[in-house]
Amino acid sequence: MTVYVDSSFFVSLYVADCYSDDAYCFMQESPVVWLTPLHRAEWAHAVAQNVFRGVLTTSDADRIYANLEADRRAWVWRAGELTTLFTRYVLSWRGTLCHC
């Protein structure tokens, strides 16, 4: 199963919140999850917000960033550009949506 998840999913995996248990449970199914530049930007913003609010320290944030980077390098996440993903999606449905 290949899935595109909301950026908040990544936050829940790396920063404990009320959705973390659900995110961990989902990952037990071993899905292929896309990680795009948009995910990374929104994720970084969410981590920074937690530092600003005093929920995390800068040391916590550094550790969390390192964990995501280690997982990315270990191919836990499938890297992808949004344009590539969208193009693949459209092409996969082309025969279904039109009979050209």
N, C-alpha and C. Protein backbone atom coordinates (compact mmCIF):
# COMPACT_ATOMS: atom_id res chain seq x y z
N MET A 1 0.84 -1.17 0.00
CA MET A 1 0.00 0.00 0.00
C MET A 1 0.90 1.24 0.00
N THR A 2 0.70 2.13 -0.96
CA THR A 2 1.41 3.40 -1.02
C THR A 2 0.43 4.50 -0.68
N VAL A 3 0.83 5.36 0.28
CA VAL A 3 -0.11 6.39 0.73
C VAL A 3 0.55 7.76 0.80
N TYR A 4 -0.28 8.77 0.64
CA TYR A 4 0.12 10.15 0.85
C TYR A 4 -0.63 10.61 2.10
N VAL A 5 0.10 10.96 3.12
CA VAL A 5 -0.53 11.35 4.38
C VAL A 5 -0.41 12.85 4.59
N ASP A 6 -1.23 13.37 5.48
CA ASP A 6 -1.13 14.76 5.88
C ASP A 6 0.15 14.97 6.69
N SER A 7 0.69 16.16 6.64
CA SER A 7 1.93 16.46 7.37
C SER A 7 1.79 16.22 8.87
N SER A 8 0.59 16.39 9.39
CA SER A 8 0.39 16.17 10.83
C SER A 8 0.67 14.73 11.23
N PHE A 9 0.56 13.80 10.28
CA PHE A 9 0.89 12.41 10.55
C PHE A 9 2.35 12.28 10.97
N PHE A 10 3.25 12.95 10.24
CA PHE A 10 4.67 12.91 10.57
C PHE A 10 4.94 13.56 11.93
N VAL A 11 4.23 14.63 12.20
CA VAL A 11 4.39 15.29 13.51
C VAL A 11 4.02 14.32 14.61
N SER A 12 2.91 13.62 14.45
CA SER A 12 2.46 12.67 15.48
C SER A 12 3.43 11.52 15.69
N LEU A 13 4.18 11.17 14.66
CA LEU A 13 5.17 10.10 14.81
C LEU A 13 6.41 10.55 15.57
N TYR A 14 6.76 11.80 15.44
CA TYR A 14 8.02 12.27 16.02
C TYR A 14 7.84 13.16 17.25
N VAL A 15 6.66 13.73 17.43
CA VAL A 15 6.37 14.58 18.59
C VAL A 15 5.12 14.00 19.24
N ALA A 16 5.23 13.57 20.47
CA ALA A 16 4.11 12.93 21.16
C ALA A 16 2.91 13.87 21.22
N ASP A 17 1.78 13.38 20.71
CA ASP A 17 0.52 14.12 20.80
C ASP A 17 -0.63 13.12 20.90
N CYS A 18 -1.84 13.62 20.87
CA CYS A 18 -3.00 12.73 21.06
C CYS A 18 -3.22 11.77 19.89
N TYR A 19 -2.53 11.98 18.78
CA TYR A 19 -2.68 11.10 17.62
C TYR A 19 -1.50 10.15 17.41
N SER A 20 -0.52 10.24 18.27
CA SER A 20 0.69 9.43 18.10
C SER A 20 0.40 7.93 18.10
N ASP A 21 -0.44 7.46 19.01
CA ASP A 21 -0.76 6.03 19.05
C ASP A 21 -1.38 5.55 17.75
N ASP A 22 -2.28 6.36 17.18
CA ASP A 22 -2.90 5.99 15.90
C ASP A 22 -1.86 5.95 14.78
N ALA A 23 -0.94 6.90 14.79
CA ALA A 23 0.10 6.94 13.76
C ALA A 23 1.00 5.72 13.87
N TYR A 24 1.40 5.37 15.09
CA TYR A 24 2.23 4.17 15.30
C TYR A 24 1.50 2.92 14.84
N CYS A 25 0.23 2.84 15.16
CA CYS A 25 -0.59 1.67 14.78
C CYS A 25 -0.64 1.56 13.25
N PHE A 26 -0.85 2.67 12.57
CA PHE A 26 -0.89 2.67 11.11
C PHE A 26 0.43 2.18 10.52
N MET A 27 1.53 2.60 11.10
CA MET A 27 2.84 2.21 10.58
C MET A 27 3.12 0.72 10.78
N GLN A 28 2.41 0.06 11.67
CA GLN A 28 2.58 -1.38 11.86
C GLN A 28 2.15 -2.16 10.63
N GLU A 29 1.31 -1.53 9.78
CA GLU A 29 0.86 -2.17 8.55
C GLU A 29 1.92 -2.10 7.45
N SER A 30 3.05 -1.46 7.73
CA SER A 30 4.16 -1.29 6.80
C SER A 30 3.76 -0.67 5.46
N PRO A 31 3.07 0.46 5.51
CA PRO A 31 2.72 1.11 4.25
C PRO A 31 3.94 1.81 3.65
N VAL A 32 3.88 2.09 2.38
CA VAL A 32 4.89 2.94 1.73
C VAL A 32 4.32 4.35 1.81
N VAL A 33 5.00 5.22 2.55
CA VAL A 33 4.49 6.57 2.80
C VAL A 33 5.38 7.58 2.09
N TRP A 34 4.76 8.44 1.29
CA TRP A 34 5.50 9.49 0.59
C TRP A 34 5.89 10.58 1.56
N LEU A 35 7.10 11.09 1.41
CA LEU A 35 7.59 12.25 2.16
C LEU A 35 8.04 13.27 1.14
N THR A 36 7.31 14.37 1.05
CA THR A 36 7.58 15.39 0.04
C THR A 36 8.22 16.63 0.68
N PRO A 37 8.74 17.52 -0.14
CA PRO A 37 9.25 18.78 0.41
C PRO A 37 8.18 19.56 1.18
N LEU A 38 6.94 19.47 0.75
CA LEU A 38 5.87 20.14 1.49
C LEU A 38 5.72 19.54 2.89
N HIS A 39 5.73 18.23 2.99
CA HIS A 39 5.68 17.58 4.31
C HIS A 39 6.81 18.09 5.20
N ARG A 40 8.01 18.12 4.65
CA ARG A 40 9.17 18.51 5.44
C ARG A 40 9.07 19.96 5.91
N ALA A 41 8.57 20.84 5.04
CA ALA A 41 8.42 22.25 5.43
C ALA A 41 7.36 22.41 6.52
N GLU A 42 6.21 21.77 6.34
CA GLU A 42 5.15 21.88 7.35
C GLU A 42 5.55 21.21 8.66
N TRP A 43 6.26 20.10 8.55
CA TRP A 43 6.74 19.40 9.74
C TRP A 43 7.72 20.27 10.53
N ALA A 44 8.66 20.92 9.81
CA ALA A 44 9.63 21.79 10.47
C ALA A 44 8.92 22.95 11.17
N HIS A 45 7.89 23.48 10.54
CA HIS A 45 7.12 24.56 11.15
C HIS A 45 6.43 24.08 12.43
N ALA A 46 5.87 22.90 12.39
CA ALA A 46 5.18 22.35 13.57
C ALA A 46 6.16 22.13 14.73
N VAL A 47 7.34 21.62 14.42
CA VAL A 47 8.34 21.41 15.46
C VAL A 47 8.75 22.76 16.05
N ALA A 48 8.97 23.74 15.19
CA ALA A 48 9.36 25.08 15.66
C ALA A 48 8.26 25.70 16.52
N GLN A 49 7.00 25.48 16.17
CA GLN A 49 5.90 25.98 17.00
C GLN A 49 5.95 25.36 18.39
N ASN A 50 6.25 24.08 18.46
CA ASN A 50 6.34 23.42 19.76
C ASN A 50 7.49 23.98 20.59
N VAL A 51 8.58 24.35 19.96
CA VAL A 51 9.69 24.99 20.67
C VAL A 51 9.24 26.37 21.16
N PHE A 52 8.59 27.13 20.29
CA PHE A 52 8.11 28.47 20.65
C PHE A 52 7.15 28.42 21.84
N ARG A 53 6.28 27.42 21.85
CA ARG A 53 5.28 27.28 22.93
C ARG A 53 5.87 26.69 24.21
N GLY A 54 7.12 26.26 24.16
CA GLY A 54 7.76 25.70 25.34
C GLY A 54 7.47 24.23 25.56
N VAL A 55 6.82 23.59 24.59
CA VAL A 55 6.52 22.16 24.69
C VAL A 55 7.79 21.35 24.47
N LEU A 56 8.66 21.83 23.58
CA LEU A 56 9.94 21.18 23.28
C LEU A 56 11.08 22.18 23.53
N THR A 57 12.23 21.64 23.87
CA THR A 57 13.43 22.47 23.94
C THR A 57 14.12 22.44 22.58
N THR A 58 15.08 23.31 22.38
CA THR A 58 15.82 23.27 21.12
C THR A 58 16.60 21.96 21.00
N SER A 59 17.04 21.41 22.12
CA SER A 59 17.72 20.11 22.09
C SER A 59 16.75 19.01 21.65
N ASP A 60 15.52 19.07 22.15
CA ASP A 60 14.49 18.11 21.71
C ASP A 60 14.28 18.23 20.20
N ALA A 61 14.16 19.46 19.73
CA ALA A 61 13.94 19.69 18.30
C ALA A 61 15.10 19.15 17.47
N ASP A 62 16.32 19.39 17.93
CA ASP A 62 17.49 18.86 17.20
C ASP A 62 17.45 17.34 17.12
N ARG A 63 17.07 16.70 18.21
CA ARG A 63 16.97 15.24 18.24
C ARG A 63 15.88 14.75 17.29
N ILE A 64 14.75 15.45 17.30
CA ILE A 64 13.62 15.08 16.44
C ILE A 64 13.99 15.24 14.97
N TYR A 65 14.66 16.34 14.63
CA TYR A 65 15.13 16.53 13.26
C TYR A 65 16.08 15.41 12.85
N ALA A 66 17.00 15.05 13.75
CA ALA A 66 17.96 13.97 13.46
C ALA A 66 17.24 12.64 13.25
N ASN A 67 16.21 12.38 14.04
CA ASN A 67 15.44 11.13 13.89
C ASN A 67 14.75 11.06 12.54
N LEU A 68 14.12 12.16 12.12
CA LEU A 68 13.47 12.16 10.81
C LEU A 68 14.49 11.97 9.70
N GLU A 69 15.61 12.65 9.81
CA GLU A 69 16.64 12.52 8.78
C GLU A 69 17.20 11.10 8.73
N ALA A 70 17.39 10.48 9.89
CA ALA A 70 17.88 9.09 9.92
C ALA A 70 16.86 8.15 9.26
N ASP A 71 15.58 8.36 9.54
CA ASP A 71 14.55 7.53 8.92
C ASP A 71 14.48 7.76 7.41
N ARG A 72 14.66 9.01 7.00
CA ARG A 72 14.64 9.31 5.56
C ARG A 72 15.80 8.60 4.86
N ARG A 73 16.97 8.65 5.47
CA ARG A 73 18.13 7.99 4.87
C ARG A 73 18.01 6.47 4.89
N ALA A 74 17.26 5.95 5.85
CA ALA A 74 17.05 4.49 5.94
C ALA A 74 15.87 4.04 5.06
N TRP A 75 15.34 4.94 4.25
CA TRP A 75 14.24 4.65 3.34
C TRP A 75 12.95 4.24 4.04
N VAL A 76 12.76 4.73 5.27
CA VAL A 76 11.47 4.49 5.94
C VAL A 76 10.38 5.21 5.15
N TRP A 77 10.74 6.37 4.60
CA TRP A 77 9.81 7.19 3.82
C TRP A 77 10.23 7.20 2.37
N ARG A 78 9.26 7.17 1.48
CA ARG A 78 9.56 7.26 0.06
C ARG A 78 9.59 8.74 -0.32
N ALA A 79 10.73 9.19 -0.79
CA ALA A 79 10.88 10.59 -1.19
C ALA A 79 10.15 10.83 -2.50
N GLY A 80 9.52 11.97 -2.60
CA GLY A 80 8.82 12.28 -3.84
C GLY A 80 8.51 13.76 -3.94
N GLU A 81 8.47 14.22 -5.17
CA GLU A 81 8.04 15.58 -5.46
C GLU A 81 6.55 15.54 -5.73
N LEU A 82 5.83 16.57 -5.32
CA LEU A 82 4.39 16.60 -5.53
C LEU A 82 4.02 16.53 -7.00
N THR A 83 4.77 17.19 -7.86
CA THR A 83 4.43 17.15 -9.29
C THR A 83 4.57 15.74 -9.84
N THR A 84 5.58 15.01 -9.40
CA THR A 84 5.77 13.64 -9.84
C THR A 84 4.63 12.76 -9.35
N LEU A 85 4.26 12.92 -8.07
CA LEU A 85 3.17 12.12 -7.52
C LEU A 85 1.86 12.40 -8.24
N PHE A 86 1.58 13.67 -8.49
CA PHE A 86 0.34 14.04 -9.16
C PHE A 86 0.31 13.48 -10.58
N THR A 87 1.42 13.61 -11.28
CA THR A 87 1.49 13.10 -12.65
C THR A 87 1.25 11.60 -12.68
N ARG A 88 1.87 10.86 -11.76
CA ARG A 88 1.66 9.41 -11.71
C ARG A 88 0.20 9.08 -11.43
N TYR A 89 -0.41 9.84 -10.53
CA TYR A 89 -1.81 9.60 -10.18
C TYR A 89 -2.70 9.83 -11.40
N VAL A 90 -2.51 10.95 -12.07
CA VAL A 90 -3.33 11.27 -13.23
C VAL A 90 -3.14 10.23 -14.31
N LEU A 91 -1.89 9.85 -14.58
CA LEU A 91 -1.64 8.86 -15.62
C LEU A 91 -2.22 7.50 -15.27
N SER A 92 -2.23 7.16 -13.98
CA SER A 92 -2.78 5.86 -13.58
C SER A 92 -4.28 5.82 -13.76
N TRP A 93 -4.94 6.96 -13.73
CA TRP A 93 -6.39 7.01 -13.88
C TRP A 93 -6.82 7.37 -15.30
N ARG A 94 -5.89 7.67 -16.16
CA ARG A 94 -6.23 8.15 -17.50
C ARG A 94 -7.17 7.21 -18.24
N GLY A 95 -6.85 5.95 -18.24
CA GLY A 95 -7.69 4.99 -18.95
C GLY A 95 -9.06 4.82 -18.33
N THR A 96 -9.18 5.07 -17.04
CA THR A 96 -10.45 4.93 -16.35
C THR A 96 -11.34 6.14 -16.57
N LEU A 97 -10.73 7.33 -16.60
CA LEU A 97 -11.51 8.56 -16.66
C LEU A 97 -11.91 8.94 -18.08
N CYS A 98 -11.10 8.62 -19.04
CA CYS A 98 -11.46 8.92 -20.43
C CYS A 98 -11.07 7.74 -21.31
N HIS A 99 -11.75 7.63 -22.36
CA HIS A 99 -11.49 6.52 -23.28
C HIS A 99 -10.80 7.05 -24.52
N CYS A 100 -9.66 7.67 -24.32
CA CYS A 100 -8.90 8.26 -25.43
C CYS A 100 -7.88 7.27 -25.98
